[in-house]
Amino acid sequence: MNHQQNVSHASRSPLTCHLQETRSHLPAVGHVVVGFGSGFPSSNALTFAADFAAKQGAALHVVHCVDIEDMPVETDSPYYEDRFHQAVTAQRDHVLAILHTFPGNWTYDCHRAEPAQYLMTIADTYGAFVVVIGAPRRGAVSAAGDLFHTSVSNRLTRQDRYPVLMIPPTVTAAAWPDEFA
């Protein structure tokens, strides 16, 4: 098996990276972009997207936009930067553990950016046929995001270039019928 793995880190921030694995013996039929963040819904959406992309023979592109949820609470702690870096690194390692069993080509991008816009940038870059995200949260924070147009799901469903597949936390890839994949 011919594997090529590239790892590059932007010089400005240790929280920005691009990882990829290319398996030349498996040409991609298409591209699936999936958003990733902290929490189970995002992890579930990634697992779902990996299974979906594998069934399609598509490359998988994971996008993690570092945001406030990745940051430690105690901003005045002398360990703040270390904890921040550890949190993002732990999330990256979680993604890589899921991608370890993915049979096709994949990329992982971690970047400080506005999530909906960066997901669209990656989808444009690879010509994705779908963007997968976790279903929006419920409650006051979600309502405020909708009101101020900061909700990732709201912003993605308003664009007209790519279908958006929102995966609720209770739905697993095993629940997706093979005839739809």
Protein backbone atom coordinates (compact mmCIF):
# COMPACT_ATOMS: atom_id res chain seq x y z
CA MET A 1 0.00 0.00 0.00
CA ASN A 2 1.41 3.36 -1.03
CA HIS A 3 0.77 6.00 1.64
CA GLN A 4 1.91 9.57 1.61
CA GLN A 5 1.33 11.73 4.67
CA ASN A 6 2.04 15.43 4.73
CA VAL A 7 2.09 17.40 7.93
CA SER A 8 2.54 21.14 7.89
CA HIS A 9 2.08 23.74 10.58
CA ALA A 10 1.60 27.43 9.92
CA SER A 11 4.39 29.43 11.46
CA ARG A 12 2.11 32.00 13.07
CA SER A 13 0.08 29.71 15.33
CA PRO A 14 0.52 26.19 16.67
CA LEU A 15 -3.29 25.92 16.47
CA THR A 16 -3.30 26.04 12.68
CA CYS A 17 -2.42 22.93 10.72
CA HIS A 18 -3.13 20.96 7.58
CA LEU A 19 -2.78 17.18 7.60
CA GLN A 20 -3.51 14.83 4.76
CA GLU A 21 -3.21 11.22 3.79
CA THR A 22 -3.21 10.27 0.14
CA ARG A 23 -3.75 6.69 -0.89
CA SER A 24 -2.94 6.79 -4.60
CA HIS A 25 -4.42 3.34 -5.20
CA LEU A 26 -7.84 4.73 -4.22
CA PRO A 27 -8.80 7.60 -6.54
CA ALA A 28 -11.55 9.75 -5.05
CA VAL A 29 -14.93 9.65 -6.79
CA GLY A 30 -16.02 12.87 -5.06
CA HIS A 31 -15.42 14.96 -1.97
CA VAL A 32 -17.27 15.25 1.35
CA VAL A 33 -16.54 18.16 3.70
CA VAL A 34 -17.38 17.81 7.40
CA GLY A 35 -17.24 20.39 10.15
CA PHE A 36 -15.70 19.37 13.46
CA GLY A 37 -15.71 21.02 16.86
CA SER A 38 -15.86 20.14 20.51
CA GLY A 39 -18.58 17.86 21.79
CA PHE A 40 -20.33 14.63 20.92
CA PRO A 41 -22.63 15.99 18.15
CA SER A 42 -19.60 17.03 16.14
CA SER A 43 -17.81 13.73 16.73
CA ASN A 44 -20.96 11.87 15.70
CA ALA A 45 -21.23 13.96 12.50
CA LEU A 46 -17.59 13.11 11.69
CA THR A 47 -18.18 9.39 12.20
CA PHE A 48 -21.29 9.60 10.02
CA ALA A 49 -19.45 11.57 7.30
CA ALA A 50 -16.54 9.10 7.30
CA ASP A 51 -18.90 6.16 6.82
CA PHE A 52 -20.88 8.03 4.15
CA ALA A 53 -17.72 9.09 2.26
CA ALA A 54 -16.30 5.55 2.42
CA LYS A 55 -19.52 4.11 0.94
CA GLN A 56 -19.37 6.73 -1.84
CA GLY A 57 -15.65 6.20 -2.53
CA ALA A 58 -15.19 9.89 -1.77
CA ALA A 59 -12.33 11.78 -0.16
CA LEU A 60 -13.12 13.24 3.25
CA HIS A 61 -12.12 16.76 4.27
CA VAL A 62 -12.41 17.56 7.99
CA VAL A 63 -12.57 21.22 8.97
CA HIS A 64 -12.01 22.35 12.57
CA CYS A 65 -12.35 26.08 13.13
CA VAL A 66 -10.88 27.02 16.48
CA ASP A 67 -13.44 29.05 18.41
CA ILE A 68 -14.37 30.14 21.90
CA GLU A 69 -15.58 26.65 22.85
CA ASP A 70 -12.02 25.38 22.43
CA MET A 71 -10.63 27.95 24.85
CA PRO A 72 -10.10 27.29 28.55
CA VAL A 73 -12.33 29.23 30.94
CA GLU A 74 -9.56 30.71 33.07
CA THR A 75 -8.09 33.27 30.66
CA ASP A 76 -5.80 34.79 33.30
CA SER A 77 -4.14 31.48 34.21
CA PRO A 78 -0.41 31.17 33.50
CA TYR A 79 -1.28 27.81 31.91
CA TYR A 80 -3.93 29.23 29.57
CA GLU A 81 -1.95 28.89 26.32
CA ASP A 82 -0.81 25.35 27.22
CA ARG A 83 -4.36 24.26 28.06
CA PHE A 84 -5.69 25.88 24.92
CA HIS A 85 -3.11 24.08 22.80
CA GLN A 86 -3.78 20.78 24.63
CA ALA A 87 -7.54 21.06 24.02
CA VAL A 88 -7.09 21.63 20.29
CA THR A 89 -4.44 18.91 20.08
CA ALA A 90 -6.76 16.45 21.86
CA GLN A 91 -9.51 17.24 19.34
CA ARG A 92 -7.08 16.75 16.44
CA ASP A 93 -5.97 13.42 17.90
CA HIS A 94 -9.62 12.36 18.22
CA VAL A 95 -10.19 13.18 14.53
CA LEU A 96 -7.04 11.29 13.53
CA ALA A 97 -8.20 8.23 15.50
CA ILE A 98 -11.46 8.22 13.52
CA LEU A 99 -9.61 8.82 10.22
CA HIS A 100 -7.16 5.99 10.97
CA THR A 101 -9.74 3.46 9.77
CA PHE A 102 -11.00 5.59 6.88
CA PRO A 103 -10.07 3.75 3.65
CA GLY A 104 -9.80 6.73 1.31
CA ASN A 105 -7.98 10.01 0.93
CA TRP A 106 -8.52 12.59 3.64
CA THR A 107 -7.46 16.01 4.84
CA TYR A 108 -7.73 17.71 8.22
CA ASP A 109 -7.59 21.49 8.50
CA CYS A 110 -7.50 23.32 11.80
CA HIS A 111 -7.73 27.06 11.42
CA ARG A 112 -8.85 30.18 13.27
CA ALA A 113 -11.68 31.27 11.01
CA GLU A 114 -15.41 31.82 10.84
CA PRO A 115 -16.73 28.23 10.57
CA ALA A 116 -19.44 28.55 7.91
CA GLN A 117 -17.24 30.63 5.64
CA TYR A 118 -14.24 28.32 6.03
CA LEU A 119 -16.36 25.20 5.40
CA MET A 120 -17.53 26.81 2.16
CA THR A 121 -13.93 27.69 1.23
CA ILE A 122 -12.84 24.07 1.69
CA ALA A 123 -15.93 22.82 -0.19
CA ASP A 124 -15.06 25.18 -3.06
CA THR A 125 -11.41 24.09 -3.00
CA TYR A 126 -12.25 20.41 -3.44
CA GLY A 127 -15.55 20.67 -5.33
CA ALA A 128 -17.47 18.85 -2.59
CA PHE A 129 -20.81 17.27 -3.32
CA VAL A 130 -22.04 17.70 0.28
CA VAL A 131 -21.16 19.48 3.52
CA VAL A 132 -21.86 17.53 6.72
CA ILE A 133 -22.28 19.13 10.14
CA GLY A 134 -23.77 18.22 13.49
CA ALA A 135 -27.37 19.35 13.98
CA PRO A 136 -27.74 22.70 15.71
CA ARG A 137 -27.98 22.86 19.46
CA ARG A 138 -31.19 23.71 21.22
CA GLY A 139 -31.75 26.48 23.73
CA ALA A 140 -30.94 30.15 24.24
CA VAL A 141 -27.45 30.05 22.71
CA SER A 142 -28.83 28.48 19.54
CA ALA A 143 -31.69 30.99 19.37
CA ALA A 144 -29.24 33.90 19.77
CA GLY A 145 -27.07 32.44 17.00
CA ASP A 146 -30.08 32.32 14.70
CA LEU A 147 -31.10 35.86 15.63
CA PHE A 148 -27.65 37.34 14.98
CA HIS A 149 -26.93 35.09 11.97
CA THR A 150 -23.88 33.53 13.65
CA SER A 151 -25.26 29.99 13.64
CA VAL A 152 -23.13 27.76 11.41
CA SER A 153 -26.10 25.61 10.39
CA ASN A 154 -28.21 28.69 9.63
CA ARG A 155 -25.49 30.26 7.50
CA LEU A 156 -24.78 27.04 5.61
CA THR A 157 -28.41 26.34 4.79
CA ARG A 158 -28.72 29.85 3.32
CA GLN A 159 -26.05 29.24 0.69
CA ASP A 160 -27.06 27.69 -2.60
CA ARG A 161 -23.91 25.91 -3.79
CA TYR A 162 -23.81 22.71 -1.73
CA PRO A 163 -26.32 20.44 -0.02
CA VAL A 164 -25.94 20.46 3.75
CA LEU A 165 -26.46 17.27 5.74
CA MET A 166 -27.12 17.96 9.45
CA ILE A 167 -26.65 14.91 11.66
CA PRO A 168 -28.59 14.85 14.96
CA PRO A 169 -26.66 13.45 17.93
CA THR A 170 -28.96 10.42 18.12
CA VAL A 171 -28.38 9.32 14.50
CA THR A 172 -25.49 7.00 13.74
CA ALA A 173 -23.92 5.99 10.46
CA ALA A 174 -25.30 2.49 10.97
CA ALA A 175 -28.82 3.97 10.75
CA TRP A 176 -28.16 5.28 7.22
CA PRO A 177 -29.50 2.72 4.73
CA ASP A 178 -26.90 1.48 2.25
CA GLU A 179 -29.22 2.13 -0.68
CA PHE A 180 -29.05 5.88 0.07
CA ALA A 181 -25.30 5.93 0.47
